[in-house]
Amino acid sequence: MAIYGTGLLAICLLTGIIVGRLLGILIGVDANVGGVGFAMLLLILVSDRLHLSGHLPKPTASGVLFWSFIYIPIVVAMAASQNVRAAISGGPAALVAGIVVVAVCFAMVPVISRPGTRDPLVTPSLEKDGKSSEGDEV
């Protein structure tokens, strides 16, 4: 059920907005600096931690997966609607920051999407003889 994922997403979003606002205050900008990005990272970290510890029931995992499919396009749409012209006219610091962030993101793609087809929400159960529950060797 998607409602379980919604609760986790809401907590992560509120935390991310608070962190982004505090970061904005810290650097002297009257804006939320990266709050949605912090929320997305927090959602990934918290859901992964809950999954690994066994505290993420299947309905909640399905809800988190549902919202993760919707959340990323929303973030992209929000980023695309930002005023790029104002950022460029803001000086070279904004331009350099944008270029560095994009370069780091491109460099992280191979690291994050390491080869493999393992679904992070499905973990095969191993038996003592080294075979999975389907009978395939591991």
N, C-alpha and C. Protein backbone atom coordinates (compact mmCIF):
# COMPACT_ATOMS: atom_id res chain seq x y z
N MET A 1 0.84 -1.19 0.00
CA MET A 1 0.00 0.00 0.00
C MET A 1 0.87 1.24 0.00
N ALA A 2 0.54 2.15 -0.88
CA ALA A 2 1.36 3.36 -1.07
C ALA A 2 1.30 4.29 0.13
N ILE A 3 0.28 4.17 0.98
CA ILE A 3 0.14 5.09 2.11
C ILE A 3 1.28 4.94 3.10
N TYR A 4 1.82 3.73 3.25
CA TYR A 4 2.96 3.53 4.15
C TYR A 4 4.19 4.27 3.64
N GLY A 5 4.42 4.19 2.35
CA GLY A 5 5.54 4.92 1.76
C GLY A 5 5.35 6.42 1.85
N THR A 6 4.10 6.87 1.83
CA THR A 6 3.81 8.29 1.92
C THR A 6 4.23 8.85 3.27
N GLY A 7 3.99 8.10 4.33
CA GLY A 7 4.40 8.54 5.66
C GLY A 7 5.91 8.69 5.77
N LEU A 8 6.63 7.70 5.26
CA LEU A 8 8.09 7.76 5.28
C LEU A 8 8.60 8.91 4.42
N LEU A 9 7.98 9.10 3.25
CA LEU A 9 8.36 10.20 2.37
C LEU A 9 8.10 11.54 3.05
N ALA A 10 6.97 11.68 3.73
CA ALA A 10 6.63 12.94 4.40
C ALA A 10 7.65 13.29 5.48
N ILE A 11 8.05 12.30 6.26
CA ILE A 11 9.04 12.54 7.31
C ILE A 11 10.36 12.96 6.69
N CYS A 12 10.78 12.27 5.64
CA CYS A 12 12.05 12.60 4.98
C CYS A 12 11.97 13.99 4.33
N LEU A 13 10.82 14.32 3.72
CA LEU A 13 10.67 15.62 3.08
C LEU A 13 10.72 16.75 4.10
N LEU A 14 10.03 16.61 5.20
CA LEU A 14 10.05 17.65 6.23
C LEU A 14 11.46 17.82 6.80
N THR A 15 12.14 16.72 7.04
CA THR A 15 13.51 16.80 7.55
C THR A 15 14.43 17.46 6.52
N GLY A 16 14.28 17.09 5.25
CA GLY A 16 15.10 17.68 4.20
C GLY A 16 14.87 19.17 4.05
N ILE A 17 13.61 19.59 4.16
CA ILE A 17 13.30 21.02 4.05
C ILE A 17 13.91 21.79 5.22
N ILE A 18 13.85 21.22 6.42
CA ILE A 18 14.46 21.88 7.58
C ILE A 18 15.97 21.98 7.41
N VAL A 19 16.60 20.89 6.97
CA VAL A 19 18.05 20.90 6.76
C VAL A 19 18.42 21.90 5.67
N GLY A 20 17.67 21.93 4.58
CA GLY A 20 17.93 22.88 3.49
C GLY A 20 17.77 24.32 3.94
N ARG A 21 16.78 24.57 4.76
CA ARG A 21 16.56 25.93 5.27
C ARG A 21 17.69 26.34 6.21
N LEU A 22 18.11 25.42 7.09
CA LEU A 22 19.21 25.71 8.00
C LEU A 22 20.51 25.93 7.23
N LEU A 23 20.74 25.17 6.17
CA LEU A 23 21.92 25.37 5.34
C LEU A 23 21.88 26.74 4.66
N GLY A 24 20.70 27.14 4.21
CA GLY A 24 20.55 28.47 3.62
C GLY A 24 20.87 29.57 4.61
N ILE A 25 20.38 29.43 5.83
CA ILE A 25 20.67 30.41 6.88
C ILE A 25 22.17 30.42 7.19
N LEU A 26 22.78 29.23 7.21
CA LEU A 26 24.19 29.12 7.54
C LEU A 26 25.08 29.82 6.52
N ILE A 27 24.72 29.75 5.25
CA ILE A 27 25.55 30.40 4.23
C ILE A 27 25.07 31.80 3.88
N GLY A 28 24.00 32.26 4.55
CA GLY A 28 23.55 33.63 4.38
C GLY A 28 22.63 33.84 3.19
N VAL A 29 21.91 32.82 2.78
CA VAL A 29 20.98 32.92 1.66
C VAL A 29 19.57 32.75 2.22
N ASP A 30 18.67 33.60 1.78
CA ASP A 30 17.29 33.51 2.26
C ASP A 30 16.51 32.54 1.37
N ALA A 31 16.91 31.27 1.40
CA ALA A 31 16.26 30.25 0.57
C ALA A 31 16.53 28.87 1.14
N ASN A 32 15.78 27.91 0.65
CA ASN A 32 15.98 26.52 0.98
C ASN A 32 17.06 25.99 0.04
N VAL A 33 18.20 25.59 0.57
CA VAL A 33 19.32 25.16 -0.25
C VAL A 33 19.40 23.63 -0.25
N GLY A 34 18.85 23.02 -1.29
CA GLY A 34 18.97 21.57 -1.45
C GLY A 34 18.08 20.73 -0.57
N GLY A 35 17.01 21.29 -0.05
CA GLY A 35 16.15 20.55 0.85
C GLY A 35 15.51 19.32 0.23
N VAL A 36 15.07 19.43 -1.02
CA VAL A 36 14.44 18.30 -1.70
C VAL A 36 15.48 17.22 -1.98
N GLY A 37 16.69 17.63 -2.32
CA GLY A 37 17.77 16.67 -2.54
C GLY A 37 18.14 15.93 -1.26
N PHE A 38 18.22 16.67 -0.15
CA PHE A 38 18.47 16.04 1.14
C PHE A 38 17.36 15.05 1.48
N ALA A 39 16.13 15.42 1.18
CA ALA A 39 15.00 14.54 1.46
C ALA A 39 15.09 13.26 0.64
N MET A 40 15.48 13.38 -0.61
CA MET A 40 15.59 12.19 -1.46
C MET A 40 16.70 11.28 -0.94
N LEU A 41 17.85 11.84 -0.60
CA LEU A 41 18.93 11.03 -0.05
C LEU A 41 18.53 10.38 1.27
N LEU A 42 17.84 11.13 2.10
CA LEU A 42 17.38 10.59 3.37
C LEU A 42 16.40 9.45 3.16
N LEU A 43 15.49 9.59 2.20
CA LEU A 43 14.54 8.52 1.89
C LEU A 43 15.27 7.26 1.45
N ILE A 44 16.29 7.41 0.61
CA ILE A 44 17.05 6.25 0.15
C ILE A 44 17.78 5.60 1.32
N LEU A 45 18.45 6.40 2.15
CA LEU A 45 19.21 5.85 3.27
C LEU A 45 18.32 5.18 4.31
N VAL A 46 17.23 5.84 4.67
CA VAL A 46 16.33 5.29 5.70
C VAL A 46 15.65 4.02 5.21
N SER A 47 15.15 4.02 3.99
CA SER A 47 14.47 2.82 3.49
C SER A 47 15.45 1.66 3.33
N ASP A 48 16.68 1.96 2.91
CA ASP A 48 17.68 0.89 2.80
C ASP A 48 18.04 0.34 4.18
N ARG A 49 18.22 1.24 5.15
CA ARG A 49 18.54 0.80 6.52
C ARG A 49 17.40 -0.05 7.10
N LEU A 50 16.17 0.39 6.91
CA LEU A 50 15.03 -0.38 7.41
C LEU A 50 14.93 -1.74 6.72
N HIS A 51 15.21 -1.76 5.42
CA HIS A 51 15.14 -3.02 4.69
C HIS A 51 16.20 -4.00 5.17
N LEU A 52 17.44 -3.50 5.36
CA LEU A 52 18.52 -4.38 5.81
C LEU A 52 18.30 -4.90 7.22
N SER A 53 17.66 -4.10 8.08
CA SER A 53 17.41 -4.53 9.45
C SER A 53 16.15 -5.39 9.57
N GLY A 54 15.40 -5.51 8.49
CA GLY A 54 14.20 -6.34 8.53
C GLY A 54 12.98 -5.64 9.10
N HIS A 55 13.03 -4.33 9.25
CA HIS A 55 11.91 -3.57 9.81
C HIS A 55 11.07 -2.88 8.74
N LEU A 56 11.21 -3.29 7.48
CA LEU A 56 10.46 -2.67 6.39
C LEU A 56 9.50 -3.72 5.83
N PRO A 57 8.25 -3.72 6.28
CA PRO A 57 7.29 -4.71 5.78
C PRO A 57 7.07 -4.55 4.28
N LYS A 58 6.59 -5.59 3.64
CA LYS A 58 6.40 -5.60 2.19
C LYS A 58 5.47 -4.46 1.73
N PRO A 59 4.34 -4.19 2.41
CA PRO A 59 3.50 -3.06 1.95
C PRO A 59 4.23 -1.72 2.01
N THR A 60 5.04 -1.52 3.04
CA THR A 60 5.79 -0.27 3.15
C THR A 60 6.85 -0.19 2.05
N ALA A 61 7.52 -1.30 1.78
CA ALA A 61 8.53 -1.32 0.72
C ALA A 61 7.88 -1.02 -0.63
N SER A 62 6.69 -1.55 -0.86
CA SER A 62 5.99 -1.26 -2.11
C SER A 62 5.61 0.21 -2.19
N GLY A 63 5.20 0.79 -1.07
CA GLY A 63 4.87 2.22 -1.05
C GLY A 63 6.07 3.10 -1.30
N VAL A 64 7.22 2.74 -0.71
CA VAL A 64 8.44 3.51 -0.92
C VAL A 64 8.87 3.39 -2.38
N LEU A 65 8.76 2.19 -2.94
CA LEU A 65 9.12 2.00 -4.35
C LEU A 65 8.21 2.82 -5.26
N PHE A 66 6.91 2.84 -4.95
CA PHE A 66 5.95 3.63 -5.72
C PHE A 66 6.34 5.11 -5.71
N TRP A 67 6.61 5.64 -4.52
CA TRP A 67 6.93 7.06 -4.42
C TRP A 67 8.30 7.39 -5.01
N SER A 68 9.23 6.43 -4.98
CA SER A 68 10.53 6.72 -5.58
C SER A 68 10.41 6.84 -7.09
N PHE A 69 9.49 6.09 -7.70
CA PHE A 69 9.27 6.23 -9.14
C PHE A 69 8.66 7.58 -9.49
N ILE A 70 7.86 8.12 -8.61
CA ILE A 70 7.20 9.40 -8.87
C ILE A 70 8.06 10.58 -8.41
N TYR A 71 8.82 10.39 -7.36
CA TYR A 71 9.55 11.47 -6.71
C TYR A 71 10.65 12.05 -7.60
N ILE A 72 11.41 11.19 -8.27
CA ILE A 72 12.52 11.67 -9.10
C ILE A 72 12.04 12.56 -10.24
N PRO A 73 10.99 12.20 -11.01
CA PRO A 73 10.52 13.14 -12.04
C PRO A 73 10.03 14.47 -11.46
N ILE A 74 9.47 14.44 -10.27
CA ILE A 74 9.03 15.69 -9.63
C ILE A 74 10.23 16.58 -9.33
N VAL A 75 11.31 15.99 -8.81
CA VAL A 75 12.51 16.75 -8.50
C VAL A 75 13.11 17.33 -9.77
N VAL A 76 13.14 16.53 -10.84
CA VAL A 76 13.67 17.02 -12.11
C VAL A 76 12.83 18.18 -12.63
N ALA A 77 11.51 18.07 -12.54
CA ALA A 77 10.63 19.15 -12.99
C ALA A 77 10.84 20.41 -12.15
N MET A 78 11.04 20.23 -10.85
CA MET A 78 11.27 21.40 -10.00
C MET A 78 12.60 22.06 -10.34
N ALA A 79 13.62 21.26 -10.60
CA ALA A 79 14.93 21.83 -10.94
C ALA A 79 14.88 22.52 -12.30
N ALA A 80 14.10 21.97 -13.23
CA ALA A 80 14.01 22.57 -14.57
C ALA A 80 13.28 23.91 -14.53
N SER A 81 12.45 24.11 -13.53
CA SER A 81 11.68 25.36 -13.46
C SER A 81 12.45 26.49 -12.77
N GLN A 82 13.65 26.23 -12.31
CA GLN A 82 14.44 27.27 -11.64
C GLN A 82 14.88 28.32 -12.65
N ASN A 83 15.16 29.48 -12.18
CA ASN A 83 15.55 30.59 -13.04
C ASN A 83 17.06 30.52 -13.32
N VAL A 84 17.41 29.89 -14.45
CA VAL A 84 18.80 29.71 -14.82
C VAL A 84 19.46 31.05 -15.15
N ARG A 85 18.74 31.93 -15.78
CA ARG A 85 19.30 33.24 -16.15
C ARG A 85 19.74 34.01 -14.91
N ALA A 86 18.96 33.95 -13.84
CA ALA A 86 19.34 34.66 -12.61
C ALA A 86 20.56 34.02 -11.98
N ALA A 87 20.68 32.69 -12.08
CA ALA A 87 21.86 32.02 -11.52
C ALA A 87 23.13 32.42 -12.27
N ILE A 88 23.03 32.52 -13.59
CA ILE A 88 24.21 32.90 -14.38
C ILE A 88 24.59 34.35 -14.11
N SER A 89 23.59 35.22 -14.00
CA SER A 89 23.89 36.62 -13.72
C SER A 89 24.34 36.83 -12.28
N GLY A 90 24.18 35.81 -11.44
CA GLY A 90 24.60 35.91 -10.05
C GLY A 90 26.10 35.90 -9.87
N GLY A 91 26.83 35.62 -10.91
CA GLY A 91 28.29 35.65 -10.82
C GLY A 91 28.91 34.30 -11.12
N PRO A 92 30.23 34.29 -11.15
CA PRO A 92 30.93 33.05 -11.51
C PRO A 92 30.79 31.95 -10.46
N ALA A 93 30.54 32.30 -9.21
CA ALA A 93 30.42 31.27 -8.16
C ALA A 93 29.24 30.34 -8.44
N ALA A 94 28.11 30.92 -8.87
CA ALA A 94 26.95 30.10 -9.18
C ALA A 94 27.21 29.22 -10.39
N LEU A 95 27.87 29.77 -11.39
CA LEU A 95 28.19 29.01 -12.59
C LEU A 95 29.16 27.87 -12.29
N VAL A 96 30.21 28.15 -11.52
CA VAL A 96 31.19 27.11 -11.16
C VAL A 96 30.54 26.04 -10.29
N ALA A 97 29.69 26.45 -9.35
CA ALA A 97 29.00 25.49 -8.49
C ALA A 97 28.12 24.56 -9.32
N GLY A 98 27.41 25.12 -10.28
CA GLY A 98 26.56 24.29 -11.15
C GLY A 98 27.36 23.31 -11.98
N ILE A 99 28.47 23.76 -12.53
CA ILE A 99 29.31 22.88 -13.35
C ILE A 99 29.91 21.77 -12.50
N VAL A 100 30.38 22.10 -11.30
CA VAL A 100 30.98 21.10 -10.42
C VAL A 100 29.94 20.05 -10.01
N VAL A 101 28.77 20.50 -9.66
CA VAL A 101 27.72 19.56 -9.24
C VAL A 101 27.35 18.62 -10.38
N VAL A 102 27.18 19.14 -11.58
CA VAL A 102 26.84 18.29 -12.73
C VAL A 102 27.97 17.30 -13.01
N ALA A 103 29.21 17.75 -12.93
CA ALA A 103 30.35 16.85 -13.18
C ALA A 103 30.41 15.74 -12.14
N VAL A 104 30.19 16.08 -10.87
CA VAL A 104 30.19 15.07 -9.81
C VAL A 104 29.05 14.07 -10.03
N CYS A 105 27.88 14.56 -10.41
CA CYS A 105 26.75 13.66 -10.67
C CYS A 105 27.05 12.70 -11.81
N PHE A 106 27.62 13.21 -12.89
CA PHE A 106 27.99 12.34 -14.01
C PHE A 106 29.02 11.31 -13.58
N ALA A 107 29.98 11.72 -12.75
CA ALA A 107 31.01 10.79 -12.29
C ALA A 107 30.45 9.72 -11.36
N MET A 108 29.38 10.04 -10.63
CA MET A 108 28.79 9.09 -9.68
C MET A 108 27.85 8.07 -10.32
N VAL A 109 27.41 8.32 -11.54
CA VAL A 109 26.47 7.40 -12.19
C VAL A 109 27.01 5.97 -12.26
N PRO A 110 28.24 5.75 -12.73
CA PRO A 110 28.73 4.36 -12.77
C PRO A 110 28.88 3.75 -11.39
N VAL A 111 29.22 4.56 -10.40
CA VAL A 111 29.39 4.04 -9.05
C VAL A 111 28.05 3.60 -8.47
N ILE A 112 27.04 4.45 -8.65
CA ILE A 112 25.72 4.15 -8.09
C ILE A 112 25.04 3.01 -8.82
N SER A 113 25.16 3.00 -10.13
CA SER A 113 24.48 1.96 -10.91
C SER A 113 25.46 0.85 -11.27
N ARG A 114 26.12 0.33 -10.27
CA ARG A 114 27.08 -0.74 -10.51
C ARG A 114 26.40 -1.91 -11.21
N PRO A 115 27.16 -2.63 -12.00
CA PRO A 115 26.57 -3.72 -12.79
C PRO A 115 25.86 -4.75 -11.90
N GLY A 116 24.79 -5.27 -12.43
CA GLY A 116 24.03 -6.28 -11.71
C GLY A 116 22.56 -6.06 -11.89
N THR A 117 21.82 -7.09 -11.67
CA THR A 117 20.37 -7.00 -11.84
C THR A 117 19.64 -7.29 -10.54
N ARG A 118 20.36 -7.26 -9.44
CA ARG A 118 19.75 -7.57 -8.15
C ARG A 118 18.75 -6.47 -7.77
N ASP A 119 17.54 -6.88 -7.43
CA ASP A 119 16.53 -5.95 -6.96
C ASP A 119 16.79 -5.69 -5.48
N PRO A 120 16.99 -4.43 -5.05
CA PRO A 120 17.33 -4.16 -3.65
C PRO A 120 16.21 -4.51 -2.68
N LEU A 121 14.99 -4.65 -3.15
CA LEU A 121 13.88 -4.98 -2.25
C LEU A 121 13.65 -6.48 -2.12
N VAL A 122 14.34 -7.28 -2.94
CA VAL A 122 14.17 -8.72 -2.90
C VAL A 122 15.51 -9.35 -2.57
N THR A 123 15.57 -10.10 -1.48
CA THR A 123 16.80 -10.78 -1.10
C THR A 123 16.53 -12.27 -1.09
N PRO A 124 17.30 -13.04 -1.85
CA PRO A 124 17.06 -14.48 -1.86
C PRO A 124 17.44 -15.10 -0.53
N SER A 125 16.62 -16.05 -0.08
CA SER A 125 16.95 -16.74 1.16
C SER A 125 17.88 -17.90 0.82
N LEU A 126 18.95 -18.02 1.56
CA LEU A 126 19.94 -19.06 1.30
C LEU A 126 19.74 -20.22 2.26
N GLU A 127 19.87 -21.41 1.71
CA GLU A 127 19.82 -22.60 2.54
C GLU A 127 21.24 -22.99 2.90
N LYS A 128 21.40 -23.98 3.76
CA LYS A 128 22.72 -24.36 4.23
C LYS A 128 23.60 -24.93 3.12
N ASP A 129 23.02 -25.58 2.11
CA ASP A 129 23.83 -26.21 1.07
C ASP A 129 24.26 -25.25 -0.03
N GLY A 130 24.01 -23.93 0.13
CA GLY A 130 24.45 -22.95 -0.85
C GLY A 130 23.50 -22.78 -2.01
N LYS A 131 22.28 -23.24 -1.87
CA LYS A 131 21.30 -23.08 -2.93
C LYS A 131 20.20 -22.17 -2.43
N SER A 132 19.63 -21.40 -3.38
CA SER A 132 18.53 -20.52 -3.01
C SER A 132 17.26 -21.34 -2.88
N SER A 133 16.18 -20.69 -2.46
CA SER A 133 14.93 -21.40 -2.27
C SER A 133 14.35 -21.92 -3.58
N GLU A 134 14.79 -21.39 -4.73
CA GLU A 134 14.31 -21.88 -6.03
C GLU A 134 15.13 -23.06 -6.50
N GLY A 135 16.20 -23.43 -5.83
CA GLY A 135 17.01 -24.56 -6.22
C GLY A 135 18.22 -24.19 -7.06
N ASP A 136 18.40 -22.91 -7.40
CA ASP A 136 19.55 -22.47 -8.17
C ASP A 136 20.75 -22.36 -7.25
N GLU A 137 21.92 -22.66 -7.78
CA GLU A 137 23.11 -22.49 -6.98
C GLU A 137 23.44 -21.02 -6.85
N VAL A 138 23.96 -20.64 -5.69
CA VAL A 138 24.30 -19.24 -5.42
C VAL A 138 25.78 -19.03 -5.61
